[in-house]
Amino acid sequence: MLLIHCPYCGARPEIEFRYGGEAHIARPSDPSALSDGQWTEFLFLRSNRKGVHAERWRHTHGCGRFFNALRDTVTDKFVTSYKIGDPRPVPDEERR
């Protein structure tokens, strides 16, 4: 079973969590000023890259809070998790 570390509750089984999409996506300050194409890009286009990826998760069957996590999409391993509002940590692989 995969354990996910909630920064508020600690390590819990994956069935307690729900994926919330890519993390650190800033909502446009004036959505009505965007063209249909720009709005489509904001809503649907994500980086979806291979490797370590910043994601938003919710501990639905625990504290109910959202948090961010870095997860390796190749191995499905969680590198770290951190509270919403905290800066994105730089994993060891990216420091080289």
PDB file of N, CA and C in Angstrom:
ATOM      1  N   MET A   1       0.839  -1.170   0.000  1.00  0.00           N
ATOM      2  CA  MET A   1       0.000   0.000   0.000  1.00  0.00           C
ATOM      3  C   MET A   1       0.891   1.243   0.000  1.00  0.00           C
ATOM      4  N   LEU A   2       0.494   2.224  -0.784  1.00  0.00           N
ATOM      5  CA  LEU A   2       1.214   3.484  -0.878  1.00  0.00           C
ATOM      6  C   LEU A   2       0.824   4.379   0.294  1.00  0.00           C
ATOM      7  N   LEU A   3       1.820   4.911   0.978  1.00  0.00           N
ATOM      8  CA  LEU A   3       1.574   5.854   2.065  1.00  0.00           C
ATOM      9  C   LEU A   3       1.871   7.258   1.562  1.00  0.00           C
ATOM     10  N   ILE A   4       0.981   8.185   1.876  1.00  0.00           N
ATOM     11  CA  ILE A   4       1.156   9.582   1.522  1.00  0.00           C
ATOM     12  C   ILE A   4       1.291  10.361   2.824  1.00  0.00           C
ATOM     13  N   HIS A   5       2.284  11.245   2.871  1.00  0.00           N
ATOM     14  CA  HIS A   5       2.512  12.024   4.085  1.00  0.00           C
ATOM     15  C   HIS A   5       1.714  13.320   4.030  1.00  0.00           C
ATOM     16  N   CYS A   6       0.701  13.428   4.871  1.00  0.00           N
ATOM     17  CA  CYS A   6      -0.059  14.662   5.031  1.00  0.00           C
ATOM     18  C   CYS A   6       0.753  15.560   5.972  1.00  0.00           C
ATOM     19  N   PRO A   7       1.037  16.813   5.575  1.00  0.00           N
ATOM     20  CA  PRO A   7       1.830  17.673   6.467  1.00  0.00           C
ATOM     21  C   PRO A   7       1.114  18.025   7.770  1.00  0.00           C
ATOM     22  N   TYR A   8      -0.174  17.727   7.865  1.00  0.00           N
ATOM     23  CA  TYR A   8      -0.943  18.018   9.069  1.00  0.00           C
ATOM     24  C   TYR A   8      -1.163  16.778   9.938  1.00  0.00           C
ATOM     25  N   CYS A   9      -1.329  15.606   9.295  1.00  0.00           N
ATOM     26  CA  CYS A   9      -1.698  14.380  10.017  1.00  0.00           C
ATOM     27  C   CYS A   9      -0.616  13.301  10.025  1.00  0.00           C
ATOM     28  N   GLY A  10       0.385  13.431   9.184  1.00  0.00           N
ATOM     29  CA  GLY A  10       1.409  12.404   9.083  1.00  0.00           C
ATOM     30  C   GLY A  10       1.098  11.420   7.971  1.00  0.00           C
ATOM     31  N   ALA A  11       1.802  10.292   7.957  1.00  0.00           N
ATOM     32  CA  ALA A  11       1.657   9.285   6.900  1.00  0.00           C
ATOM     33  C   ALA A  11       0.348   8.526   7.050  1.00  0.00           C
ATOM     34  N   ARG A  12      -0.381   8.429   5.942  1.00  0.00           N
ATOM     35  CA  ARG A  12      -1.664   7.726   5.908  1.00  0.00           C
ATOM     36  C   ARG A  12      -1.767   6.941   4.606  1.00  0.00           C
ATOM     37  N   PRO A  13      -2.645   5.922   4.529  1.00  0.00           N
ATOM     38  CA  PRO A  13      -2.796   5.147   3.295  1.00  0.00           C
ATOM     39  C   PRO A  13      -3.409   5.988   2.170  1.00  0.00           C
ATOM     40  N   GLU A  14      -3.018   5.676   0.967  1.00  0.00           N
ATOM     41  CA  GLU A  14      -3.438   6.458  -0.216  1.00  0.00           C
ATOM     42  C   GLU A  14      -4.950   6.555  -0.381  1.00  0.00           C
ATOM     43  N   ILE A  15      -5.711   5.595   0.117  1.00  0.00           N
ATOM     44  CA  ILE A  15      -7.165   5.626  -0.072  1.00  0.00           C
ATOM     45  C   ILE A  15      -7.832   6.786   0.670  1.00  0.00           C
ATOM     46  N   GLU A  16      -7.092   7.450   1.566  1.00  0.00           N
ATOM     47  CA  GLU A  16      -7.646   8.594   2.299  1.00  0.00           C
ATOM     48  C   GLU A  16      -7.534   9.901   1.517  1.00  0.00           C
ATOM     49  N   PHE A  17      -6.859   9.890   0.360  1.00  0.00           N
ATOM     50  CA  PHE A  17      -6.533  11.120  -0.351  1.00  0.00           C
ATOM     51  C   PHE A  17      -7.178  11.178  -1.725  1.00  0.00           C
ATOM     52  N   ARG A  18      -7.315  12.407  -2.234  1.00  0.00           N
ATOM     53  CA  ARG A  18      -7.797  12.638  -3.599  1.00  0.00           C
ATOM     54  C   ARG A  18      -6.856  13.616  -4.289  1.00  0.00           C
ATOM     55  N   TYR A  19      -6.552  13.307  -5.526  1.00  0.00           N
ATOM     56  CA  TYR A  19      -5.694  14.146  -6.362  1.00  0.00           C
ATOM     57  C   TYR A  19      -6.437  15.424  -6.719  1.00  0.00           C
ATOM     58  N   GLY A  20      -5.753  16.560  -6.675  1.00  0.00           N
ATOM     59  CA  GLY A  20      -6.391  17.838  -6.959  1.00  0.00           C
ATOM     60  C   GLY A  20      -5.793  18.594  -8.128  1.00  0.00           C
ATOM     61  N   GLY A  21      -4.949  17.944  -8.911  1.00  0.00           N
ATOM     62  CA  GLY A  21      -4.375  18.600 -10.083  1.00  0.00           C
ATOM     63  C   GLY A  21      -2.977  19.138  -9.837  1.00  0.00           C
ATOM     64  N   GLU A  22      -2.453  19.786 -10.852  1.00  0.00           N
ATOM     65  CA  GLU A  22      -1.110  20.359 -10.777  1.00  0.00           C
ATOM     66  C   GLU A  22      -1.098  21.514  -9.775  1.00  0.00           C
ATOM     67  N   ALA A  23      -0.043  21.602  -8.993  1.00  0.00           N
ATOM     68  CA  ALA A  23       0.095  22.670  -7.994  1.00  0.00           C
ATOM     69  C   ALA A  23       0.695  23.923  -8.613  1.00  0.00           C
ATOM     70  N   HIS A  24       0.541  25.015  -7.912  1.00  0.00           N
ATOM     71  CA  HIS A  24       1.142  26.308  -8.260  1.00  0.00           C
ATOM     72  C   HIS A  24       0.623  26.867  -9.580  1.00  0.00           C
ATOM     73  N   ILE A  25      -0.657  26.648  -9.873  1.00  0.00           N
ATOM     74  CA  ILE A  25      -1.299  27.241 -11.047  1.00  0.00           C
ATOM     75  C   ILE A  25      -2.027  28.499 -10.556  1.00  0.00           C
ATOM     76  N   ALA A  26      -1.582  29.648 -11.030  1.00  0.00           N
ATOM     77  CA  ALA A  26      -2.190  30.909 -10.591  1.00  0.00           C
ATOM     78  C   ALA A  26      -3.417  31.211 -11.438  1.00  0.00           C
ATOM     79  N   ARG A  27      -4.517  31.496 -10.783  1.00  0.00           N
ATOM     80  CA  ARG A  27      -5.746  31.869 -11.484  1.00  0.00           C
ATOM     81  C   ARG A  27      -5.570  33.266 -12.072  1.00  0.00           C
ATOM     82  N   PRO A  28      -6.026  33.493 -13.300  1.00  0.00           N
ATOM     83  CA  PRO A  28      -5.913  34.833 -13.897  1.00  0.00           C
ATOM     84  C   PRO A  28      -6.639  35.872 -13.036  1.00  0.00           C
ATOM     85  N   SER A  29      -6.034  37.061 -12.894  1.00  0.00           N
ATOM     86  CA  SER A  29      -6.643  38.096 -12.057  1.00  0.00           C
ATOM     87  C   SER A  29      -7.920  38.661 -12.677  1.00  0.00           C
ATOM     88  N   ASP A  30      -8.005  38.659 -14.017  1.00  0.00           N
ATOM     89  CA  ASP A  30      -9.202  39.155 -14.701  1.00  0.00           C
ATOM     90  C   ASP A  30      -9.612  38.147 -15.783  1.00  0.00           C
ATOM     91  N   PRO A  31     -10.309  37.073 -15.406  1.00  0.00           N
ATOM     92  CA  PRO A  31     -10.667  36.037 -16.381  1.00  0.00           C
ATOM     93  C   PRO A  31     -11.475  36.558 -17.560  1.00  0.00           C
ATOM     94  N   SER A  32     -12.279  37.590 -17.350  1.00  0.00           N
ATOM     95  CA  SER A  32     -13.111  38.103 -18.439  1.00  0.00           C
ATOM     96  C   SER A  32     -12.283  38.773 -19.538  1.00  0.00           C
ATOM     97  N   ALA A  33     -11.049  39.118 -19.247  1.00  0.00           N
ATOM     98  CA  ALA A  33     -10.178  39.742 -20.239  1.00  0.00           C
ATOM     99  C   ALA A  33      -9.493  38.719 -21.137  1.00  0.00           C
ATOM    100  N   LEU A  34      -9.600  37.436 -20.795  1.00  0.00           N
ATOM    101  CA  LEU A  34      -8.941  36.395 -21.584  1.00  0.00           C
ATOM    102  C   LEU A  34      -9.762  36.018 -22.807  1.00  0.00           C
ATOM    103  N   SER A  35      -9.058  35.655 -23.863  1.00  0.00           N
ATOM    104  CA  SER A  35      -9.743  35.127 -25.044  1.00  0.00           C
ATOM    105  C   SER A  35     -10.188  33.701 -24.738  1.00  0.00           C
ATOM    106  N   ASP A  36     -11.030  33.138 -25.585  1.00  0.00           N
ATOM    107  CA  ASP A  36     -11.462  31.743 -25.398  1.00  0.00           C
ATOM    108  C   ASP A  36     -10.264  30.804 -25.401  1.00  0.00           C
ATOM    109  N   GLY A  37      -9.312  31.062 -26.268  1.00  0.00           N
ATOM    110  CA  GLY A  37      -8.113  30.224 -26.346  1.00  0.00           C
ATOM    111  C   GLY A  37      -7.270  30.303 -25.087  1.00  0.00           C
ATOM    112  N   GLN A  38      -7.103  31.509 -24.545  1.00  0.00           N
ATOM    113  CA  GLN A  38      -6.333  31.674 -23.307  1.00  0.00           C
ATOM    114  C   GLN A  38      -7.041  31.007 -22.131  1.00  0.00           C
ATOM    115  N   TRP A  39      -8.367  31.125 -22.072  1.00  0.00           N
ATOM    116  CA  TRP A  39      -9.131  30.494 -20.994  1.00  0.00           C
ATOM    117  C   TRP A  39      -9.036  28.978 -21.095  1.00  0.00           C
ATOM    118  N   THR A  40      -9.102  28.453 -22.312  1.00  0.00           N
ATOM    119  CA  THR A  40      -8.948  27.014 -22.535  1.00  0.00           C
ATOM    120  C   THR A  40      -7.578  26.547 -22.060  1.00  0.00           C
ATOM    121  N   GLU A  41      -6.533  27.317 -22.389  1.00  0.00           N
ATOM    122  CA  GLU A  41      -5.178  26.973 -21.933  1.00  0.00           C
ATOM    123  C   GLU A  41      -5.115  26.914 -20.416  1.00  0.00           C
ATOM    124  N   PHE A  42      -5.691  27.920 -19.754  1.00  0.00           N
ATOM    125  CA  PHE A  42      -5.656  27.948 -18.297  1.00  0.00           C
ATOM    126  C   PHE A  42      -6.385  26.739 -17.697  1.00  0.00           C
ATOM    127  N   LEU A  43      -7.541  26.407 -18.239  1.00  0.00           N
ATOM    128  CA  LEU A  43      -8.343  25.327 -17.672  1.00  0.00           C
ATOM    129  C   LEU A  43      -7.794  23.935 -17.935  1.00  0.00           C
ATOM    130  N   PHE A  44      -7.260  23.715 -19.127  1.00  0.00           N
ATOM    131  CA  PHE A  44      -6.990  22.335 -19.536  1.00  0.00           C
ATOM    132  C   PHE A  44      -5.531  21.977 -19.791  1.00  0.00           C
ATOM    133  N   LEU A  45      -4.674  22.920 -20.106  1.00  0.00           N
ATOM    134  CA  LEU A  45      -3.301  22.576 -20.470  1.00  0.00           C
ATOM    135  C   LEU A  45      -2.394  22.618 -19.248  1.00  0.00           C
ATOM    136  N   ARG A  46      -1.775  21.498 -18.976  1.00  0.00           N
ATOM    137  CA  ARG A  46      -0.851  21.382 -17.854  1.00  0.00           C
ATOM    138  C   ARG A  46       0.463  20.812 -18.370  1.00  0.00           C
ATOM    139  N   SER A  47       1.511  20.930 -17.552  1.00  0.00           N
ATOM    140  CA  SER A  47       2.842  20.519 -18.008  1.00  0.00           C
ATOM    141  C   SER A  47       2.939  19.007 -18.225  1.00  0.00           C
ATOM    142  N   ASN A  48       2.348  18.205 -17.337  1.00  0.00           N
ATOM    143  CA  ASN A  48       2.301  16.745 -17.488  1.00  0.00           C
ATOM    144  C   ASN A  48       3.651  16.139 -17.882  1.00  0.00           C
ATOM    145  N   ARG A  49       4.681  16.589 -17.208  1.00  0.00           N
ATOM    146  CA  ARG A  49       6.009  16.117 -17.568  1.00  0.00           C
ATOM    147  C   ARG A  49       6.381  14.823 -16.857  1.00  0.00           C
ATOM    148  N   LYS A  50       7.345  14.158 -17.399  1.00  0.00           N
ATOM    149  CA  LYS A  50       7.854  12.914 -16.830  1.00  0.00           C
ATOM    150  C   LYS A  50       8.881  13.263 -15.754  1.00  0.00           C
ATOM    151  N   GLY A  51       8.750  12.653 -14.595  1.00  0.00           N
ATOM    152  CA  GLY A  51       9.679  12.913 -13.501  1.00  0.00           C
ATOM    153  C   GLY A  51       8.975  13.566 -12.324  1.00  0.00           C
ATOM    154  N   VAL A  52       9.706  14.359 -11.559  1.00  0.00           N
ATOM    155  CA  VAL A  52       9.163  14.986 -10.349  1.00  0.00           C
ATOM    156  C   VAL A  52       8.210  16.113 -10.745  1.00  0.00           C
ATOM    157  N   HIS A  53       7.024  16.049 -10.181  1.00  0.00           N
ATOM    158  CA  HIS A  53       5.927  16.930 -10.571  1.00  0.00           C
ATOM    159  C   HIS A  53       5.246  17.462  -9.312  1.00  0.00           C
ATOM    160  N   ALA A  54       4.957  18.777  -9.272  1.00  0.00           N
ATOM    161  CA  ALA A  54       4.264  19.373  -8.116  1.00  0.00           C
ATOM    162  C   ALA A  54       2.755  19.196  -8.291  1.00  0.00           C
ATOM    163  N   GLU A  55       2.122  18.606  -7.298  1.00  0.00           N
ATOM    164  CA  GLU A  55       0.693  18.299  -7.370  1.00  0.00           C
ATOM    165  C   GLU A  55      -0.023  18.780  -6.119  1.00  0.00           C
ATOM    166  N   ARG A  56      -1.312  19.007  -6.260  1.00  0.00           N
ATOM    167  CA  ARG A  56      -2.166  19.364  -5.130  1.00  0.00           C
ATOM    168  C   ARG A  56      -2.952  18.109  -4.729  1.00  0.00           C
ATOM    169  N   TRP A  57      -3.028  17.857  -3.429  1.00  0.00           N
ATOM    170  CA  TRP A  57      -3.759  16.710  -2.901  1.00  0.00           C
ATOM    171  C   TRP A  57      -4.663  17.179  -1.769  1.00  0.00           C
ATOM    172  N   ARG A  58      -5.704  16.397  -1.503  1.00  0.00           N
ATOM    173  CA  ARG A  58      -6.612  16.677  -0.386  1.00  0.00           C
ATOM    174  C   ARG A  58      -6.751  15.429   0.478  1.00  0.00           C
ATOM    175  N   HIS A  59      -6.602  15.609   1.772  1.00  0.00           N
ATOM    176  CA  HIS A  59      -6.759  14.505   2.719  1.00  0.00           C
ATOM    177  C   HIS A  59      -8.246  14.403   3.064  1.00  0.00           C
ATOM    178  N   THR A  60      -9.015  13.846   2.142  1.00  0.00           N
ATOM    179  CA  THR A  60     -10.477  13.841   2.260  1.00  0.00           C
ATOM    180  C   THR A  60     -10.997  13.040   3.442  1.00  0.00           C
ATOM    181  N   HIS A  61     -10.355  11.923   3.756  1.00  0.00           N
ATOM    182  CA  HIS A  61     -10.832  11.080   4.862  1.00  0.00           C
ATOM    183  C   HIS A  61      -9.966  11.255   6.100  1.00  0.00           C
ATOM    184  N   GLY A  62      -9.467  12.470   6.265  1.00  0.00           N
ATOM    185  CA  GLY A  62      -8.661  12.815   7.437  1.00  0.00           C
ATOM    186  C   GLY A  62      -8.997  14.232   7.833  1.00  0.00           C
ATOM    187  N   CYS A  63      -8.016  15.103   7.767  1.00  0.00           N
ATOM    188  CA  CYS A  63      -8.218  16.501   8.190  1.00  0.00           C
ATOM    189  C   CYS A  63      -9.016  17.315   7.178  1.00  0.00           C
ATOM    190  N   GLY A  64      -9.128  16.836   5.931  1.00  0.00           N
ATOM    191  CA  GLY A  64      -9.888  17.543   4.908  1.00  0.00           C
ATOM    192  C   GLY A  64      -9.126  18.678   4.248  1.00  0.00           C
ATOM    193  N   ARG A  65      -7.889  18.876   4.625  1.00  0.00           N
ATOM    194  CA  ARG A  65      -7.100  19.990   4.093  1.00  0.00           C
ATOM    195  C   ARG A  65      -6.411  19.636   2.774  1.00  0.00           C
ATOM    196  N   PHE A  66      -6.204  20.681   1.977  1.00  0.00           N
ATOM    197  CA  PHE A  66      -5.385  20.553   0.780  1.00  0.00           C
ATOM    198  C   PHE A  66      -3.924  20.768   1.146  1.00  0.00           C
ATOM    199  N   PHE A  67      -3.032  20.135   0.403  1.00  0.00           N
ATOM    200  CA  PHE A  67      -1.596  20.345   0.549  1.00  0.00           C
ATOM    201  C   PHE A  67      -0.955  20.048  -0.797  1.00  0.00           C
ATOM    202  N   ASN A  68       0.296  20.432  -0.931  1.00  0.00           N
ATOM    203  CA  ASN A  68       1.044  20.157  -2.151  1.00  0.00           C
ATOM    204  C   ASN A  68       2.028  19.032  -1.897  1.00  0.00           C
ATOM    205  N   ALA A  69       2.371  18.332  -2.957  1.00  0.00           N
ATOM    206  CA  ALA A  69       3.343  17.251  -2.861  1.00  0.00           C
ATOM    207  C   ALA A  69       4.161  17.192  -4.139  1.00  0.00           C
ATOM    208  N   LEU A  70       5.404  16.766  -4.003  1.00  0.00           N
ATOM    209  CA  LEU A  70       6.229  16.469  -5.167  1.00  0.00           C
ATOM    210  C   LEU A  70       6.202  14.960  -5.331  1.00  0.00           C
ATOM    211  N   ARG A  71       5.782  14.516  -6.514  1.00  0.00           N
ATOM    212  CA  ARG A  71       5.676  13.086  -6.789  1.00  0.00           C
ATOM    213  C   ARG A  71       6.399  12.778  -8.087  1.00  0.00           C
ATOM    214  N   ASP A  72       7.163  11.696  -8.087  1.00  0.00           N
ATOM    215  CA  ASP A  72       7.842  11.247  -9.298  1.00  0.00           C
ATOM    216  C   ASP A  72       6.839  10.443 -10.121  1.00  0.00           C
ATOM    217  N   THR A  73       6.497  10.939 -11.297  1.00  0.00           N
ATOM    218  CA  THR A  73       5.480  10.281 -12.122  1.00  0.00           C
ATOM    219  C   THR A  73       5.980   8.989 -12.752  1.00  0.00           C
ATOM    220  N   VAL A  74       7.283   8.741 -12.722  1.00  0.00           N
ATOM    221  CA  VAL A  74       7.830   7.498 -13.271  1.00  0.00           C
ATOM    222  C   VAL A  74       7.698   6.369 -12.254  1.00  0.00           C
ATOM    223  N   THR A  75       8.059   6.648 -11.002  1.00  0.00           N
ATOM    224  CA  THR A  75       8.048   5.617  -9.965  1.00  0.00           C
ATOM    225  C   THR A  75       6.815   5.671  -9.074  1.00  0.00           C
ATOM    226  N   ASP A  76       6.022   6.742  -9.163  1.00  0.00           N
ATOM    227  CA  ASP A  76       4.856   7.000  -8.321  1.00  0.00           C
ATOM    228  C   ASP A  76       5.248   7.256  -6.869  1.00  0.00           C
ATOM    229  N   LYS A  77       6.540   7.538  -6.621  1.00  0.00           N
ATOM    230  CA  LYS A  77       7.026   7.797  -5.273  1.00  0.00           C
ATOM    231  C   LYS A  77       6.839   9.271  -4.916  1.00  0.00           C
ATOM    232  N   PHE A  78       6.327   9.522  -3.707  1.00  0.00           N
ATOM    233  CA  PHE A  78       6.202  10.876  -3.205  1.00  0.00           C
ATOM    234  C   PHE A  78       7.554  11.299  -2.654  1.00  0.00           C
ATOM    235  N   VAL A  79       8.086  12.388  -3.174  1.00  0.00           N
ATOM    236  CA  VAL A  79       9.383  12.896  -2.741  1.00  0.00           C
ATOM    237  C   VAL A  79       9.238  13.664  -1.434  1.00  0.00           C
ATOM    238  N   THR A  80       8.230  14.547  -1.379  1.00  0.00           N
ATOM    239  CA  THR A  80       7.953  15.325  -0.173  1.00  0.00           C
ATOM    240  C   THR A  80       6.549  15.907  -0.278  1.00  0.00           C
ATOM    241  N   SER A  81       6.029  16.364   0.833  1.00  0.00           N
ATOM    242  CA  SER A  81       4.760  17.087   0.845  1.00  0.00           C
ATOM    243  C   SER A  81       4.948  18.352   1.670  1.00  0.00           C
ATOM    244  N   TYR A  82       4.141  19.364   1.372  1.00  0.00           N
ATOM    245  CA  TYR A  82       4.292  20.639   2.052  1.00  0.00           C
ATOM    246  C   TYR A  82       2.966  21.389   2.038  1.00  0.00           C
ATOM    247  N   LYS A  83       2.809  22.297   2.977  1.00  0.00           N
ATOM    248  CA  LYS A  83       1.552  23.024   3.140  1.00  0.00           C
ATOM    249  C   LYS A  83       1.328  24.016   2.001  1.00  0.00           C
ATOM    250  N   ILE A  84       0.058  24.256   1.686  1.00  0.00           N
ATOM    251  CA  ILE A  84      -0.315  25.267   0.699  1.00  0.00           C
ATOM    252  C   ILE A  84       0.264  26.603   1.166  1.00  0.00           C
ATOM    253  N   GLY A  85       0.861  27.341   0.266  1.00  0.00           N
ATOM    254  CA  GLY A  85       1.461  28.631   0.611  1.00  0.00           C
ATOM    255  C   GLY A  85       2.953  28.551   0.855  1.00  0.00           C
ATOM    256  N   ASP A  86       3.446  27.354   1.193  1.00  0.00           N
ATOM    257  CA  ASP A  86       4.892  27.180   1.335  1.00  0.00           C
ATOM    258  C   ASP A  86       5.519  27.116  -0.049  1.00  0.00           C
ATOM    259  N   PRO A  87       6.763  27.573  -0.198  1.00  0.00           N
ATOM    260  CA  PRO A  87       7.402  27.489  -1.514  1.00  0.00           C
ATOM    261  C   PRO A  87       7.669  26.038  -1.916  1.00  0.00           C
ATOM    262  N   ARG A  88       7.724  25.821  -3.219  1.00  0.00           N
ATOM    263  CA  ARG A  88       8.007  24.481  -3.756  1.00  0.00           C
ATOM    264  C   ARG A  88       9.437  24.095  -3.400  1.00  0.00           C
ATOM    265  N   PRO A  89       9.628  22.984  -2.676  1.00  0.00           N
ATOM    266  CA  PRO A  89      10.991  22.543  -2.349  1.00  0.00           C
ATOM    267  C   PRO A  89      11.722  22.088  -3.612  1.00  0.00           C
ATOM    268  N   VAL A  90      13.031  22.207  -3.594  1.00  0.00           N
ATOM    269  CA  VAL A  90      13.849  21.742  -4.713  1.00  0.00           C
ATOM    270  C   VAL A  90      14.382  20.358  -4.344  1.00  0.00           C
ATOM    271  N   PRO A  91      13.943  19.304  -5.083  1.00  0.00           N
ATOM    272  CA  PRO A  91      14.432  17.954  -4.768  1.00  0.00           C
ATOM    273  C   PRO A  91      15.915  17.819  -5.093  1.00  0.00           C
ATOM    274  N   ASP A  92      16.568  16.854  -4.463  1.00  0.00           N
ATOM    275  CA  ASP A  92      17.995  16.624  -4.665  1.00  0.00           C
ATOM    276  C   ASP A  92      18.344  16.437  -6.148  1.00  0.00           C
ATOM    277  N   GLU A  93      17.461  15.767  -6.904  1.00  0.00           N
ATOM    278  CA  GLU A  93      17.742  15.494  -8.321  1.00  0.00           C
ATOM    279  C   GLU A  93      17.869  16.788  -9.130  1.00  0.00           C
ATOM    280  N   GLU A  94      17.139  17.835  -8.732  1.00  0.00           N
ATOM    281  CA  GLU A  94      17.165  19.098  -9.465  1.00  0.00           C
ATOM    282  C   GLU A  94      18.302  20.004  -9.018  1.00  0.00           C
ATOM    283  N   ARG A  95      18.950  19.703  -7.902  1.00  0.00           N
ATOM    284  CA  ARG A  95      20.055  20.538  -7.398  1.00  0.00           C
ATOM    285  C   ARG A  95      21.364  20.271  -8.121  1.00  0.00           C
ATOM    286  N   ARG A  96      21.447  19.175  -8.822  1.00  0.00           N
ATOM    287  CA  ARG A  96      22.704  18.807  -9.483  1.00  0.00           C
ATOM    288  C   ARG A  96      22.955  19.626 -10.684  1.00  0.00           C
TER     289      ARG A  96
END
